[in-house]
Amino acid sequence: NQEIWEKYQTTKYNKVLKMMEKVKGEGLYIAGGTDLIVKLKQGVISPGALISLRQVHALRGIKKNGHLVLGSMTLFRDIERDGDILTNYPCLSEAASLLANPQIRNVATIGGNLCNAAPSADSAPPLMVLEAEVLLEGPGGTRVVSIEELFTGPGTTCLDPLEILTEIRLPAPDSNSGNAFVKLGRLKQDIAVVNAAAMVTMEGAVCKRCRVAVGAVAPTPLRLKQVEKMVENNSIDEDLLESVQSKVKELVSPITDVRSTAKYRREVSGVLVKRALKKAISRVHG
């Protein structure tokens, strides 16, 4: 509805929440629109109003303040190219670079990708292993939740209808740590059949901290805490990685859809976690 679209655009962040209150929470915030517009055209959703965030520049940008802060309207194009992210959070720049195609990355935002809450969202596993938090703001105030808490099911989040995700916060990486993202799509930049991310902090040959997450193999992106415990305080050799691969297959609950079978996803998930761990370890010292 073009009339609604025109009615609810603003460049002022302080007007955004008032607009949503005006439509009694029955509207939807639209960021880049790469996922939402498809759903609108398919009739999957029919909001009372669309409130565009595209011109709200206060929600865009990458800042350092002891930790890294990503505005929710930050484009994947900018995440892919940012020097600090490339150096310290390469799993996130890798995920950004593999999202769809350059045209999509020029308009798609990290906040939109998270709030769309697809189980296959490429940004979710990296943010999980980086232990990111998101800032949610609404008429009742501000709250901070972990990325894991954000997702409540396929396509659903913990956001109240009047709330907006304003920023993503990433803690500074540990010294002697490395992180990595890997993805399998039918083509390199397809929606993921399976994706995985890993972070390790090493002390010599021993892994002191480990974080592992996978996507497209459960109703929500999934952090694998049992796998992390297997790895922590151990030397990561081929035997351990084989055990990890087997454990991952036990923990995931994939479905069959147009992109893949559940059986194939289960097999591949273990392989990708193993690959992500190896890649993360290789980055610890260089």
Protein backbone atom coordinates (compact mmCIF):
# COMPACT_ATOMS: atom_id res chain seq x y z
CA ASN A 1 0.00 0.00 0.00
CA GLN A 2 1.87 3.04 -1.28
CA GLU A 3 -0.11 5.47 0.90
CA ILE A 4 0.96 3.70 4.11
CA TRP A 5 4.52 3.42 2.85
CA GLU A 6 4.70 7.17 2.29
CA LYS A 7 3.00 7.96 5.57
CA TYR A 8 5.45 6.11 7.79
CA GLN A 9 8.89 7.22 6.73
CA THR A 10 11.16 9.37 8.86
CA THR A 11 14.81 10.29 9.28
CA LYS A 12 14.36 10.86 13.03
CA TYR A 13 14.88 7.91 15.35
CA ASN A 14 12.80 9.48 18.12
CA LYS A 15 9.78 9.45 15.79
CA VAL A 16 10.04 5.75 14.93
CA LEU A 17 8.62 4.36 18.18
CA LYS A 18 5.86 6.99 18.16
CA MET A 19 4.83 5.84 14.70
CA MET A 20 4.54 2.25 15.90
CA GLU A 21 2.53 3.34 18.93
CA LYS A 22 0.24 5.27 16.59
CA VAL A 23 -0.64 2.05 14.73
CA LYS A 24 -0.97 0.19 18.06
CA GLY A 25 1.92 -2.17 17.34
CA GLU A 26 0.19 -3.58 14.25
CA GLY A 27 2.83 -2.32 11.85
CA LEU A 28 6.18 -3.77 10.87
CA TYR A 29 9.54 -2.06 10.75
CA ILE A 30 11.19 -2.44 7.36
CA ALA A 31 14.96 -2.15 6.99
CA GLY A 32 16.52 -3.15 3.65
CA GLY A 33 13.33 -5.02 2.79
CA THR A 34 15.11 -7.89 1.03
CA ASP A 35 13.19 -10.52 3.03
CA LEU A 36 10.11 -8.58 4.07
CA ILE A 37 9.05 -7.46 0.60
CA VAL A 38 9.11 -11.08 -0.62
CA LYS A 39 6.81 -12.07 2.26
CA LEU A 40 4.48 -9.15 1.50
CA LYS A 41 4.23 -10.11 -2.17
CA GLN A 42 3.55 -13.74 -1.26
CA GLY A 43 0.85 -12.71 1.20
CA VAL A 44 2.67 -14.43 4.06
CA ILE A 45 2.30 -11.25 6.15
CA SER A 46 -0.18 -8.37 5.97
CA PRO A 47 0.81 -5.68 8.48
CA GLY A 48 -1.40 -2.70 9.19
CA ALA A 49 1.49 -0.40 8.28
CA LEU A 50 5.11 -0.40 7.22
CA ILE A 51 7.52 1.87 9.07
CA SER A 52 10.67 2.39 7.04
CA LEU A 53 13.98 2.65 8.88
CA ARG A 54 16.02 3.14 5.73
CA GLN A 55 16.62 6.86 6.24
CA VAL A 56 17.20 6.67 10.02
CA HIS A 57 20.96 7.22 9.92
CA ALA A 58 21.28 7.10 13.72
CA LEU A 59 20.77 3.33 13.42
CA ARG A 60 23.58 2.89 10.88
CA GLY A 61 27.32 2.59 11.40
CA ILE A 62 30.17 0.67 13.02
CA LYS A 63 31.68 2.10 16.20
CA LYS A 64 34.38 1.04 18.67
CA ASN A 65 33.93 1.71 22.37
CA GLY A 66 36.07 -0.96 24.06
CA HIS A 67 33.75 -3.33 22.25
CA LEU A 68 32.37 -3.18 18.70
CA VAL A 69 28.92 -1.71 18.13
CA LEU A 70 26.97 -2.30 14.92
CA GLY A 71 23.92 -0.14 14.30
CA SER A 72 21.02 -2.37 13.30
CA MET A 73 20.73 -0.61 9.92
CA THR A 74 24.39 -1.26 9.05
CA LEU A 75 24.66 -2.75 5.57
CA PHE A 76 26.28 -6.13 4.98
CA ARG A 77 28.40 -4.39 2.34
CA ASP A 78 29.97 -2.26 5.08
CA ILE A 79 30.41 -5.20 7.48
CA GLU A 80 32.12 -7.19 4.72
CA ARG A 81 34.67 -4.41 4.11
CA ASP A 82 35.33 -3.01 7.60
CA GLY A 83 39.01 -3.35 8.54
CA ASP A 84 38.46 -3.99 12.25
CA ILE A 85 35.89 -6.70 11.53
CA LEU A 86 38.18 -8.32 8.96
CA THR A 87 41.02 -8.39 11.50
CA ASN A 88 39.27 -9.28 14.75
CA TYR A 89 35.93 -10.79 13.76
CA PRO A 90 36.67 -12.49 10.42
CA CYS A 91 33.81 -14.97 10.88
CA LEU A 92 31.39 -12.05 10.59
CA SER A 93 33.02 -10.52 7.52
CA GLU A 94 33.02 -14.00 5.91
CA ALA A 95 29.32 -14.42 6.61
CA ALA A 96 28.61 -10.96 5.19
CA SER A 97 30.63 -11.66 2.04
CA LEU A 98 28.70 -14.88 1.38
CA LEU A 99 25.24 -13.37 1.83
CA ALA A 100 23.27 -13.53 -1.42
CA ASN A 101 24.95 -11.25 -4.01
CA PRO A 102 26.54 -7.77 -4.10
CA GLN A 103 23.24 -6.12 -5.05
CA ILE A 104 21.51 -7.58 -1.98
CA ARG A 105 24.46 -6.75 0.30
CA ASN A 106 24.15 -3.11 -0.79
CA VAL A 107 20.68 -2.89 0.79
CA ALA A 108 20.39 -5.76 3.30
CA THR A 109 21.00 -4.86 6.95
CA ILE A 110 22.27 -6.93 9.85
CA GLY A 111 19.30 -5.95 12.02
CA GLY A 112 16.87 -7.02 9.33
CA ASN A 113 18.67 -10.34 8.88
CA LEU A 114 18.41 -11.04 12.61
CA CYS A 115 14.79 -9.94 13.00
CA ASN A 116 13.72 -12.02 10.00
CA ALA A 117 14.90 -14.90 12.23
CA ALA A 118 15.38 -17.48 9.51
CA PRO A 119 17.02 -20.65 10.91
CA SER A 120 19.54 -20.28 8.06
CA ALA A 121 20.44 -16.61 8.78
CA ASP A 122 24.13 -16.27 7.93
CA SER A 123 24.78 -13.57 10.53
CA ALA A 124 23.50 -15.64 13.48
CA PRO A 125 26.19 -18.33 14.01
CA PRO A 126 29.08 -15.81 13.88
CA LEU A 127 27.34 -13.50 16.34
CA MET A 128 26.65 -16.45 18.63
CA VAL A 129 30.29 -17.56 18.78
CA LEU A 130 31.36 -13.94 19.27
CA GLU A 131 28.92 -13.77 22.21
CA ALA A 132 27.13 -10.74 20.83
CA GLU A 133 24.26 -8.99 22.56
CA VAL A 134 21.49 -6.91 21.02
CA LEU A 135 19.93 -3.73 22.36
CA LEU A 136 16.13 -3.61 22.17
CA GLU A 137 14.28 -0.33 22.71
CA GLY A 138 10.59 0.28 23.21
CA PRO A 139 8.17 2.61 25.00
CA GLY A 140 8.90 0.76 28.25
CA GLY A 141 12.64 1.35 28.05
CA THR A 142 15.74 -0.51 26.94
CA ARG A 143 16.82 -4.11 27.46
CA VAL A 144 19.83 -6.14 26.39
CA VAL A 145 19.52 -9.80 25.35
CA SER A 146 21.99 -12.32 23.98
CA ILE A 147 21.75 -13.41 20.37
CA GLU A 148 20.61 -16.83 21.59
CA GLU A 149 17.71 -15.29 23.53
CA LEU A 150 16.66 -13.22 20.51
CA PHE A 151 15.42 -16.21 18.49
CA THR A 152 12.30 -17.98 19.74
CA GLY A 153 11.37 -20.05 16.68
CA PRO A 154 11.45 -20.06 12.87
CA GLY A 155 10.76 -16.46 11.87
CA THR A 156 10.02 -15.33 15.43
CA THR A 157 11.96 -13.30 17.99
CA CYS A 158 11.55 -12.13 21.58
CA LEU A 159 10.83 -8.56 20.47
CA ASP A 160 7.61 -6.99 21.70
CA PRO A 161 5.51 -5.55 18.81
CA LEU A 162 6.46 -2.03 19.92
CA GLU A 163 10.19 -2.74 20.29
CA ILE A 164 12.99 -2.12 17.83
CA LEU A 165 16.44 -3.69 17.64
CA THR A 166 18.81 -0.73 17.64
CA GLU A 167 22.32 -2.16 17.90
CA ILE A 168 24.47 -5.27 18.13
CA ARG A 169 27.38 -5.30 20.60
CA LEU A 170 30.41 -7.56 20.25
CA PRO A 171 32.96 -7.89 23.07
CA ALA A 172 36.64 -7.45 22.25
CA PRO A 173 38.18 -10.77 21.18
CA ASP A 174 40.42 -12.72 23.55
CA SER A 175 44.14 -12.65 22.88
CA ASN A 176 45.35 -15.89 21.26
CA SER A 177 41.93 -16.46 19.74
CA GLY A 178 40.64 -17.15 16.26
CA ASN A 179 37.20 -17.39 14.68
CA ALA A 180 35.78 -18.61 11.39
CA PHE A 181 32.57 -19.11 9.40
CA VAL A 182 31.83 -21.76 6.79
CA LYS A 183 28.75 -22.31 4.68
CA LEU A 184 27.32 -24.82 2.29
CA GLY A 185 24.77 -23.65 -0.25
CA ARG A 186 23.89 -25.25 -3.56
CA LEU A 187 25.78 -22.30 -4.96
CA LYS A 188 28.30 -20.31 -2.93
CA GLN A 189 25.95 -17.41 -2.22
CA ASP A 190 22.65 -19.29 -1.90
CA ILE A 191 20.59 -19.46 1.26
CA ALA A 192 22.55 -21.84 3.44
CA VAL A 193 21.87 -25.57 3.33
CA VAL A 194 23.97 -25.56 6.51
CA ASN A 195 26.27 -22.91 8.01
CA ALA A 196 28.61 -23.00 11.00
CA ALA A 197 30.91 -20.76 13.01
CA ALA A 198 33.57 -21.43 15.62
CA MET A 199 35.72 -19.42 18.02
CA VAL A 200 38.69 -20.80 19.96
CA THR A 201 41.04 -19.30 22.54
CA MET A 202 44.26 -21.29 22.77
CA GLU A 203 46.93 -21.67 25.43
CA GLY A 204 49.70 -23.44 23.61
CA ALA A 205 48.15 -26.55 22.09
CA VAL A 206 45.23 -26.55 24.54
CA CYS A 207 41.90 -24.89 23.83
CA LYS A 208 40.83 -22.85 26.86
CA ARG A 209 37.59 -21.45 25.42
CA CYS A 210 35.46 -22.68 22.55
CA ARG A 211 32.22 -21.47 21.00
CA VAL A 212 30.42 -23.33 18.22
CA ALA A 213 27.14 -22.52 16.45
CA VAL A 214 25.27 -23.89 13.44
CA GLY A 215 22.39 -22.72 11.28
CA ALA A 216 19.70 -24.30 9.09
CA VAL A 217 19.68 -27.51 11.16
CA ALA A 218 17.13 -26.63 13.88
CA PRO A 219 14.12 -24.32 14.35
CA THR A 220 16.53 -21.54 15.33
CA PRO A 221 20.28 -20.97 14.88
CA LEU A 222 21.86 -23.25 17.45
CA ARG A 223 24.79 -22.90 19.82
CA LEU A 224 26.36 -26.31 20.55
CA LYS A 225 27.38 -26.09 24.20
CA GLN A 226 27.97 -29.84 24.52
CA VAL A 227 30.49 -29.65 21.70
CA GLU A 228 32.19 -26.67 23.33
CA LYS A 229 32.66 -28.67 26.54
CA MET A 230 34.21 -31.54 24.56
CA VAL A 231 36.80 -29.19 23.10
CA GLU A 232 37.65 -26.98 26.09
CA ASN A 233 40.75 -27.90 28.12
CA ASN A 234 41.86 -30.37 25.48
CA SER A 235 44.37 -30.46 22.66
CA ILE A 236 42.47 -30.34 19.39
CA ASP A 237 43.72 -33.28 17.37
CA GLU A 238 42.12 -35.31 14.61
CA ASP A 239 40.61 -37.82 17.04
CA LEU A 240 38.86 -35.06 18.97
CA LEU A 241 37.62 -33.47 15.76
CA GLU A 242 36.17 -36.81 14.63
CA SER A 243 34.34 -37.08 17.98
CA VAL A 244 33.07 -33.53 17.54
CA GLN A 245 31.80 -34.34 14.06
CA SER A 246 29.81 -37.30 15.41
CA LYS A 247 28.44 -35.31 18.35
CA VAL A 248 27.19 -32.51 16.12
CA LYS A 249 25.14 -35.01 14.12
CA GLU A 250 23.47 -36.16 17.35
CA LEU A 251 22.59 -32.64 18.47
CA VAL A 252 21.02 -31.15 15.34
CA SER A 253 17.40 -31.59 14.26
CA PRO A 254 17.26 -30.65 10.57
CA ILE A 255 14.27 -30.81 8.24
CA THR A 256 13.89 -31.73 4.60
CA ASP A 257 12.94 -28.83 2.32
CA VAL A 258 13.47 -27.66 -1.25
CA ARG A 259 17.16 -27.01 -0.60
CA SER A 260 18.20 -30.27 1.06
CA THR A 261 17.21 -33.45 2.88
CA ALA A 262 17.38 -33.76 6.65
CA LYS A 263 19.82 -36.66 6.30
CA TYR A 264 22.24 -34.66 4.17
CA ARG A 265 22.05 -31.65 6.49
CA ARG A 266 22.82 -33.87 9.48
CA GLU A 267 25.92 -35.31 7.78
CA VAL A 268 27.16 -31.97 6.53
CA SER A 269 26.66 -30.16 9.86
CA GLY A 270 29.38 -32.26 11.51
CA VAL A 271 31.75 -31.74 8.61
CA LEU A 272 31.24 -27.96 8.63
CA VAL A 273 31.76 -27.62 12.39
CA LYS A 274 35.00 -29.58 12.08
CA ARG A 275 36.07 -27.33 9.20
CA ALA A 276 35.15 -24.15 11.12
CA LEU A 277 37.16 -25.28 14.15
CA LYS A 278 40.23 -26.04 12.03
CA LYS A 279 39.95 -22.68 10.30
CA ALA A 280 39.54 -20.83 13.62
CA ILE A 281 42.61 -22.58 15.08
CA SER A 282 44.66 -21.66 12.01
CA ARG A 283 43.92 -17.99 12.70
CA VAL A 284 45.11 -17.95 16.31
CA HIS A 285 48.71 -17.20 15.36
CA GLY A 286 48.30 -15.67 12.01
